[in-house]
N, C-alpha and C. Protein backbone atom coordinates (compact mmCIF):
# COMPACT_ATOMS: atom_id res chain seq x y z
N UNK A 1 -13.56 -11.99 23.60
CA UNK A 1 -14.04 -10.92 22.74
C UNK A 1 -14.20 -11.43 21.31
N UNK A 2 -15.34 -11.20 20.73
CA UNK A 2 -15.59 -11.67 19.37
C UNK A 2 -16.12 -10.55 18.48
N UNK A 3 -15.72 -9.33 18.75
CA UNK A 3 -16.20 -8.19 17.99
C UNK A 3 -15.22 -7.86 16.85
N UNK A 4 -15.64 -8.18 15.65
CA UNK A 4 -14.82 -7.94 14.46
C UNK A 4 -15.20 -6.63 13.76
N UNK A 5 -16.06 -5.84 14.38
CA UNK A 5 -16.61 -4.64 13.74
C UNK A 5 -15.54 -3.74 13.14
N UNK A 6 -14.50 -3.41 13.90
CA UNK A 6 -13.45 -2.52 13.38
C UNK A 6 -12.79 -3.10 12.14
N UNK A 7 -12.62 -4.40 12.11
CA UNK A 7 -11.94 -5.06 11.00
C UNK A 7 -12.85 -5.14 9.77
N UNK A 8 -14.12 -5.48 9.97
CA UNK A 8 -15.07 -5.49 8.86
C UNK A 8 -15.22 -4.08 8.30
N UNK A 9 -15.30 -3.08 9.19
CA UNK A 9 -15.40 -1.69 8.73
C UNK A 9 -14.19 -1.31 7.88
N UNK A 10 -12.99 -1.75 8.27
CA UNK A 10 -11.79 -1.44 7.50
C UNK A 10 -11.83 -2.11 6.13
N UNK A 11 -12.31 -3.34 6.05
CA UNK A 11 -12.45 -4.00 4.75
C UNK A 11 -13.35 -3.15 3.86
N UNK A 12 -14.48 -2.73 4.39
CA UNK A 12 -15.44 -1.95 3.60
C UNK A 12 -14.83 -0.61 3.18
N UNK A 13 -14.28 0.13 4.13
CA UNK A 13 -13.75 1.46 3.82
C UNK A 13 -12.55 1.40 2.87
N UNK A 14 -11.70 0.41 3.03
CA UNK A 14 -10.56 0.26 2.12
C UNK A 14 -11.04 -0.01 0.70
N UNK A 15 -12.06 -0.83 0.56
CA UNK A 15 -12.55 -1.14 -0.78
C UNK A 15 -13.29 0.03 -1.41
N UNK A 16 -13.92 0.87 -0.61
CA UNK A 16 -14.50 2.11 -1.14
C UNK A 16 -13.38 2.97 -1.73
N UNK A 17 -12.28 3.09 -0.99
CA UNK A 17 -11.13 3.89 -1.46
C UNK A 17 -10.49 3.27 -2.70
N UNK A 18 -10.35 1.95 -2.72
CA UNK A 18 -9.75 1.25 -3.87
C UNK A 18 -10.64 1.42 -5.10
N UNK A 19 -11.94 1.23 -4.92
CA UNK A 19 -12.88 1.40 -6.02
C UNK A 19 -12.76 2.81 -6.61
N UNK A 20 -12.72 3.81 -5.76
CA UNK A 20 -12.60 5.19 -6.22
C UNK A 20 -11.26 5.41 -6.92
N UNK A 21 -10.19 4.84 -6.36
CA UNK A 21 -8.86 5.02 -6.96
C UNK A 21 -8.80 4.47 -8.38
N UNK A 22 -9.33 3.26 -8.57
CA UNK A 22 -9.29 2.64 -9.89
C UNK A 22 -10.23 3.32 -10.89
N UNK A 23 -11.36 3.85 -10.41
CA UNK A 23 -12.40 4.39 -11.30
C UNK A 23 -12.18 5.84 -11.71
N UNK A 24 -11.50 6.63 -10.88
CA UNK A 24 -11.37 8.05 -11.16
C UNK A 24 -9.93 8.51 -10.98
N UNK A 25 -9.55 9.51 -11.76
CA UNK A 25 -8.21 10.07 -11.61
C UNK A 25 -8.14 10.86 -10.31
N UNK A 26 -7.07 10.61 -9.53
CA UNK A 26 -6.87 11.30 -8.27
C UNK A 26 -5.40 11.70 -8.16
N UNK A 27 -5.10 12.54 -7.20
CA UNK A 27 -3.73 13.03 -7.05
C UNK A 27 -2.89 12.10 -6.17
N UNK A 28 -1.61 12.43 -6.08
CA UNK A 28 -0.66 11.62 -5.30
C UNK A 28 -1.05 11.54 -3.83
N UNK A 29 -1.65 12.60 -3.30
CA UNK A 29 -2.08 12.60 -1.89
C UNK A 29 -3.13 11.53 -1.64
N UNK A 30 -4.02 11.32 -2.60
CA UNK A 30 -5.04 10.27 -2.47
C UNK A 30 -4.38 8.89 -2.45
N UNK A 31 -3.36 8.70 -3.27
CA UNK A 31 -2.64 7.44 -3.27
C UNK A 31 -1.97 7.21 -1.92
N UNK A 32 -1.36 8.23 -1.37
CA UNK A 32 -0.69 8.10 -0.07
C UNK A 32 -1.70 7.79 1.04
N UNK A 33 -2.88 8.39 0.99
CA UNK A 33 -3.92 8.08 1.98
C UNK A 33 -4.36 6.62 1.86
N UNK A 34 -4.48 6.16 0.63
CA UNK A 34 -4.86 4.76 0.40
C UNK A 34 -3.78 3.82 0.93
N UNK A 35 -2.53 4.10 0.60
CA UNK A 35 -1.43 3.23 1.03
C UNK A 35 -1.19 3.27 2.53
N UNK A 36 -1.62 4.34 3.20
CA UNK A 36 -1.46 4.44 4.66
C UNK A 36 -2.28 3.38 5.39
N UNK A 37 -3.21 2.74 4.70
CA UNK A 37 -4.01 1.66 5.30
C UNK A 37 -3.20 0.37 5.46
N UNK A 38 -2.05 0.31 4.80
CA UNK A 38 -1.25 -0.92 4.75
C UNK A 38 0.00 -0.79 5.60
N UNK A 39 0.36 -1.86 6.28
CA UNK A 39 1.58 -1.91 7.08
C UNK A 39 2.81 -1.75 6.19
N UNK A 40 3.87 -1.13 6.70
CA UNK A 40 5.13 -1.09 5.93
C UNK A 40 5.64 -2.51 5.62
N UNK A 41 5.24 -3.49 6.42
CA UNK A 41 5.63 -4.89 6.21
C UNK A 41 4.58 -5.67 5.43
N UNK A 42 3.65 -4.96 4.77
CA UNK A 42 2.57 -5.61 4.05
C UNK A 42 3.10 -6.62 3.04
N UNK A 43 2.36 -7.73 2.93
CA UNK A 43 2.61 -8.73 1.90
C UNK A 43 1.27 -9.20 1.36
N UNK A 44 1.31 -9.69 0.14
CA UNK A 44 0.08 -10.13 -0.51
C UNK A 44 0.39 -11.25 -1.48
N UNK A 45 -0.54 -12.20 -1.55
CA UNK A 45 -0.51 -13.22 -2.59
C UNK A 45 -1.69 -12.90 -3.50
N UNK A 46 -1.40 -12.54 -4.74
CA UNK A 46 -2.43 -12.15 -5.70
C UNK A 46 -3.23 -13.38 -6.14
N UNK A 47 -4.38 -13.15 -6.80
CA UNK A 47 -5.17 -14.29 -7.28
C UNK A 47 -4.40 -15.22 -8.21
N UNK A 48 -3.37 -14.71 -8.88
CA UNK A 48 -2.59 -15.55 -9.79
C UNK A 48 -1.31 -16.09 -9.14
N UNK A 49 -1.18 -15.89 -7.82
CA UNK A 49 -0.04 -16.45 -7.10
C UNK A 49 1.17 -15.55 -7.01
N UNK A 50 1.09 -14.34 -7.51
CA UNK A 50 2.21 -13.41 -7.44
C UNK A 50 2.32 -12.84 -6.03
N UNK A 51 3.52 -12.76 -5.51
CA UNK A 51 3.75 -12.22 -4.17
C UNK A 51 4.15 -10.75 -4.29
N UNK A 52 3.43 -9.89 -3.58
CA UNK A 52 3.67 -8.45 -3.62
C UNK A 52 4.02 -7.93 -2.23
N UNK A 53 4.87 -6.92 -2.20
CA UNK A 53 5.10 -6.19 -0.95
C UNK A 53 4.47 -4.80 -1.12
N UNK A 54 4.68 -3.92 -0.15
CA UNK A 54 4.05 -2.61 -0.20
C UNK A 54 4.49 -1.81 -1.41
N UNK A 55 5.76 -1.88 -1.78
CA UNK A 55 6.22 -1.12 -2.95
C UNK A 55 5.62 -1.65 -4.25
N UNK A 56 5.46 -2.96 -4.33
CA UNK A 56 4.81 -3.53 -5.52
C UNK A 56 3.34 -3.13 -5.57
N UNK A 57 2.69 -3.08 -4.40
CA UNK A 57 1.30 -2.63 -4.34
C UNK A 57 1.20 -1.17 -4.77
N UNK A 58 2.15 -0.35 -4.32
CA UNK A 58 2.19 1.05 -4.73
C UNK A 58 2.27 1.16 -6.26
N UNK A 59 3.14 0.36 -6.86
CA UNK A 59 3.29 0.37 -8.31
C UNK A 59 2.03 -0.07 -9.03
N UNK A 60 1.38 -1.09 -8.51
CA UNK A 60 0.13 -1.57 -9.09
C UNK A 60 -0.93 -0.48 -9.02
N UNK A 61 -1.09 0.14 -7.85
CA UNK A 61 -2.08 1.21 -7.71
C UNK A 61 -1.73 2.40 -8.63
N UNK A 62 -0.47 2.77 -8.67
CA UNK A 62 -0.06 3.91 -9.48
C UNK A 62 -0.37 3.65 -10.97
N UNK A 63 -0.08 2.46 -11.44
CA UNK A 63 -0.30 2.10 -12.84
C UNK A 63 -1.79 2.07 -13.19
N UNK A 64 -2.63 1.58 -12.29
CA UNK A 64 -4.04 1.37 -12.60
C UNK A 64 -4.96 2.51 -12.16
N UNK A 65 -4.42 3.50 -11.46
CA UNK A 65 -5.25 4.59 -10.97
C UNK A 65 -6.01 5.30 -12.08
N UNK A 66 -7.34 5.39 -11.93
CA UNK A 66 -8.18 6.08 -12.89
C UNK A 66 -8.36 5.37 -14.22
N UNK A 67 -7.92 4.13 -14.32
CA UNK A 67 -7.92 3.42 -15.60
C UNK A 67 -9.11 2.48 -15.81
N UNK A 68 -9.98 2.33 -14.80
CA UNK A 68 -11.07 1.35 -14.91
C UNK A 68 -12.42 2.06 -14.81
N UNK A 69 -12.87 2.62 -15.91
CA UNK A 69 -14.15 3.33 -15.94
C UNK A 69 -15.27 2.42 -15.45
N UNK A 70 -16.09 2.97 -14.57
CA UNK A 70 -17.23 2.21 -14.06
C UNK A 70 -16.88 1.11 -13.08
N UNK A 71 -15.66 1.13 -12.56
CA UNK A 71 -15.20 0.06 -11.66
C UNK A 71 -16.03 0.02 -10.38
N UNK A 72 -16.52 -1.16 -10.03
CA UNK A 72 -17.31 -1.37 -8.82
C UNK A 72 -16.83 -2.62 -8.10
N UNK A 73 -16.88 -2.56 -6.78
CA UNK A 73 -16.55 -3.71 -5.94
C UNK A 73 -17.75 -4.02 -5.06
N UNK A 74 -18.14 -5.27 -5.03
CA UNK A 74 -19.20 -5.73 -4.15
C UNK A 74 -18.61 -6.73 -3.16
N UNK A 75 -18.79 -6.47 -1.88
CA UNK A 75 -18.28 -7.35 -0.83
C UNK A 75 -19.41 -8.16 -0.22
N UNK A 76 -19.09 -9.39 0.17
CA UNK A 76 -20.07 -10.24 0.84
C UNK A 76 -19.33 -11.29 1.66
N UNK A 77 -20.11 -12.08 2.38
CA UNK A 77 -19.60 -13.24 3.12
C UNK A 77 -18.46 -12.90 4.08
N UNK A 78 -18.53 -11.74 4.74
CA UNK A 78 -17.48 -11.40 5.71
C UNK A 78 -17.57 -12.33 6.91
N UNK A 79 -16.42 -12.82 7.31
CA UNK A 79 -16.36 -13.80 8.38
C UNK A 79 -15.11 -13.57 9.23
N UNK A 80 -15.30 -13.54 10.54
CA UNK A 80 -14.16 -13.47 11.44
C UNK A 80 -13.54 -14.84 11.61
N UNK A 81 -12.24 -14.92 11.47
CA UNK A 81 -11.53 -16.20 11.62
C UNK A 81 -10.84 -16.27 12.97
N UNK A 82 -10.09 -15.21 13.32
CA UNK A 82 -9.36 -15.21 14.59
C UNK A 82 -9.21 -13.76 15.05
N UNK A 83 -9.37 -13.58 16.34
CA UNK A 83 -9.22 -12.27 16.96
C UNK A 83 -8.18 -12.41 18.04
N UNK A 84 -7.22 -11.49 18.07
CA UNK A 84 -6.19 -11.57 19.09
C UNK A 84 -5.82 -10.17 19.55
N UNK A 85 -4.97 -10.08 20.53
CA UNK A 85 -4.64 -8.81 21.16
C UNK A 85 -4.13 -7.77 20.17
N UNK A 86 -3.37 -8.18 19.17
CA UNK A 86 -2.75 -7.22 18.24
C UNK A 86 -3.40 -7.18 16.87
N UNK A 87 -4.60 -7.77 16.73
CA UNK A 87 -5.25 -7.73 15.44
C UNK A 87 -6.26 -8.83 15.24
N UNK A 88 -6.48 -9.16 13.97
CA UNK A 88 -7.47 -10.17 13.62
C UNK A 88 -7.20 -10.70 12.22
N UNK A 89 -7.82 -11.83 11.93
CA UNK A 89 -7.82 -12.40 10.60
C UNK A 89 -9.28 -12.55 10.19
N UNK A 90 -9.61 -12.03 9.01
CA UNK A 90 -10.98 -12.12 8.51
C UNK A 90 -10.95 -12.56 7.05
N UNK A 91 -12.09 -13.06 6.61
CA UNK A 91 -12.23 -13.43 5.19
C UNK A 91 -13.46 -12.74 4.63
N UNK A 92 -13.46 -12.63 3.30
CA UNK A 92 -14.60 -12.01 2.62
C UNK A 92 -14.57 -12.41 1.16
N UNK A 93 -15.69 -12.20 0.51
CA UNK A 93 -15.78 -12.44 -0.93
C UNK A 93 -15.87 -11.08 -1.62
N UNK A 94 -15.19 -10.96 -2.75
CA UNK A 94 -15.10 -9.68 -3.46
C UNK A 94 -15.39 -9.92 -4.94
N UNK A 95 -16.41 -9.24 -5.43
CA UNK A 95 -16.72 -9.30 -6.86
C UNK A 95 -16.47 -7.94 -7.47
N UNK A 96 -15.69 -7.92 -8.55
CA UNK A 96 -15.33 -6.68 -9.24
C UNK A 96 -15.92 -6.67 -10.64
N UNK A 97 -16.41 -5.50 -11.05
CA UNK A 97 -16.89 -5.31 -12.42
C UNK A 97 -16.45 -3.93 -12.90
N UNK A 98 -16.42 -3.75 -14.22
CA UNK A 98 -16.14 -2.43 -14.77
C UNK A 98 -17.06 -2.19 -15.96
N UNK A 99 -16.94 -1.01 -16.56
CA UNK A 99 -17.84 -0.60 -17.63
C UNK A 99 -17.71 -1.47 -18.88
N UNK A 100 -16.60 -2.18 -19.04
CA UNK A 100 -16.42 -3.05 -20.20
C UNK A 100 -17.12 -4.39 -20.02
N UNK A 101 -17.62 -4.66 -18.80
CA UNK A 101 -18.26 -5.94 -18.51
C UNK A 101 -17.32 -6.95 -17.91
N UNK A 102 -16.05 -6.57 -17.75
CA UNK A 102 -15.09 -7.46 -17.11
C UNK A 102 -15.54 -7.75 -15.68
N UNK A 103 -15.50 -9.01 -15.29
CA UNK A 103 -15.97 -9.42 -13.97
C UNK A 103 -14.95 -10.38 -13.36
N UNK A 104 -14.67 -10.20 -12.08
CA UNK A 104 -13.86 -11.19 -11.36
C UNK A 104 -14.52 -11.43 -10.01
N UNK A 105 -14.31 -12.62 -9.51
CA UNK A 105 -14.90 -13.07 -8.25
C UNK A 105 -13.77 -13.73 -7.47
N UNK A 106 -13.55 -13.26 -6.26
CA UNK A 106 -12.44 -13.79 -5.46
C UNK A 106 -12.82 -13.91 -4.00
N UNK A 107 -12.16 -14.84 -3.35
CA UNK A 107 -12.26 -14.97 -1.89
C UNK A 107 -10.93 -14.49 -1.33
N UNK A 108 -11.02 -13.69 -0.28
CA UNK A 108 -9.82 -13.09 0.28
C UNK A 108 -9.75 -13.35 1.78
N UNK A 109 -8.53 -13.51 2.25
CA UNK A 109 -8.26 -13.61 3.68
C UNK A 109 -7.23 -12.55 4.01
N UNK A 110 -7.52 -11.74 5.03
CA UNK A 110 -6.62 -10.66 5.41
C UNK A 110 -6.25 -10.78 6.89
N UNK A 111 -4.97 -10.55 7.15
CA UNK A 111 -4.46 -10.47 8.52
C UNK A 111 -4.30 -8.99 8.82
N UNK A 112 -5.00 -8.53 9.85
CA UNK A 112 -4.91 -7.14 10.28
C UNK A 112 -4.03 -7.02 11.51
N UNK A 113 -3.34 -5.91 11.60
CA UNK A 113 -2.54 -5.58 12.77
C UNK A 113 -3.12 -4.30 13.36
N UNK A 114 -3.32 -4.28 14.68
CA UNK A 114 -3.76 -3.07 15.36
C UNK A 114 -2.53 -2.42 15.98
N UNK A 115 -2.24 -1.21 15.53
CA UNK A 115 -1.07 -0.49 16.04
C UNK A 115 -1.33 0.02 17.46
N UNK A 116 -0.26 0.40 18.16
CA UNK A 116 -0.41 0.93 19.51
C UNK A 116 -1.35 2.12 19.55
N UNK A 117 -1.41 2.88 18.47
CA UNK A 117 -2.31 4.03 18.37
C UNK A 117 -3.77 3.62 18.26
N UNK A 118 -4.01 2.33 18.00
CA UNK A 118 -5.36 1.83 17.81
C UNK A 118 -5.75 1.69 16.34
N UNK A 119 -4.94 2.26 15.45
CA UNK A 119 -5.22 2.17 14.01
C UNK A 119 -5.06 0.73 13.52
N UNK A 120 -5.98 0.31 12.67
CA UNK A 120 -5.95 -1.01 12.07
C UNK A 120 -5.29 -0.90 10.70
N UNK A 121 -4.27 -1.74 10.44
CA UNK A 121 -3.59 -1.77 9.14
C UNK A 121 -3.57 -3.18 8.57
N UNK A 122 -3.52 -3.23 7.25
CA UNK A 122 -3.45 -4.50 6.53
C UNK A 122 -2.02 -5.03 6.60
N UNK A 123 -1.85 -6.23 7.15
CA UNK A 123 -0.51 -6.83 7.29
C UNK A 123 -0.25 -7.85 6.18
N UNK A 124 -1.28 -8.66 5.87
CA UNK A 124 -1.13 -9.68 4.81
C UNK A 124 -2.49 -9.92 4.18
N UNK A 125 -2.48 -10.12 2.87
CA UNK A 125 -3.71 -10.40 2.12
C UNK A 125 -3.44 -11.55 1.17
N UNK A 126 -4.37 -12.50 1.14
CA UNK A 126 -4.27 -13.63 0.20
C UNK A 126 -5.60 -13.70 -0.56
N UNK A 127 -5.52 -13.59 -1.89
CA UNK A 127 -6.70 -13.62 -2.73
C UNK A 127 -6.69 -14.86 -3.61
N UNK A 128 -7.86 -15.48 -3.77
CA UNK A 128 -8.01 -16.65 -4.62
C UNK A 128 -9.20 -16.44 -5.54
N UNK A 129 -9.00 -16.62 -6.85
CA UNK A 129 -10.11 -16.50 -7.79
C UNK A 129 -11.09 -17.64 -7.62
N UNK A 130 -12.37 -17.32 -7.75
CA UNK A 130 -13.43 -18.33 -7.71
C UNK A 130 -13.72 -18.77 -9.14
N UNK A 131 -14.13 -19.99 -9.29
CA UNK A 131 -14.51 -20.50 -10.61
C UNK A 131 -15.80 -19.86 -11.06
N UNK A 132 -15.92 -19.55 -12.35
CA UNK A 132 -17.09 -18.89 -12.91
C UNK A 132 -18.22 -19.78 -13.11
């Protein structure tokens, strides 16, 4: 089986939610819906090498929610790396911009876990900044 559709769809939908969270003020329920996409065992290596768990991600989202006017995310170069019974690993490129003209470009690799319910959750994310 080489169908990564569910995983690519989750990358896209999660980034739509993240873009909206950073760009507009939302309530606590919106934050909880966003965080429900991530495994309780979630881990992340940020572009600057910082290691985050789910609670650190919650703090980052809470601090930055609604603070980036005009925030946009553009995804490209989605690629399936490995597909297995309980999930998949995919990579993608992510370019972020905001109304101030701030721009970042990163390559990301995510390990997804498929729960027994069939829901796909983010288990691990590693982001690396690209040179300008």
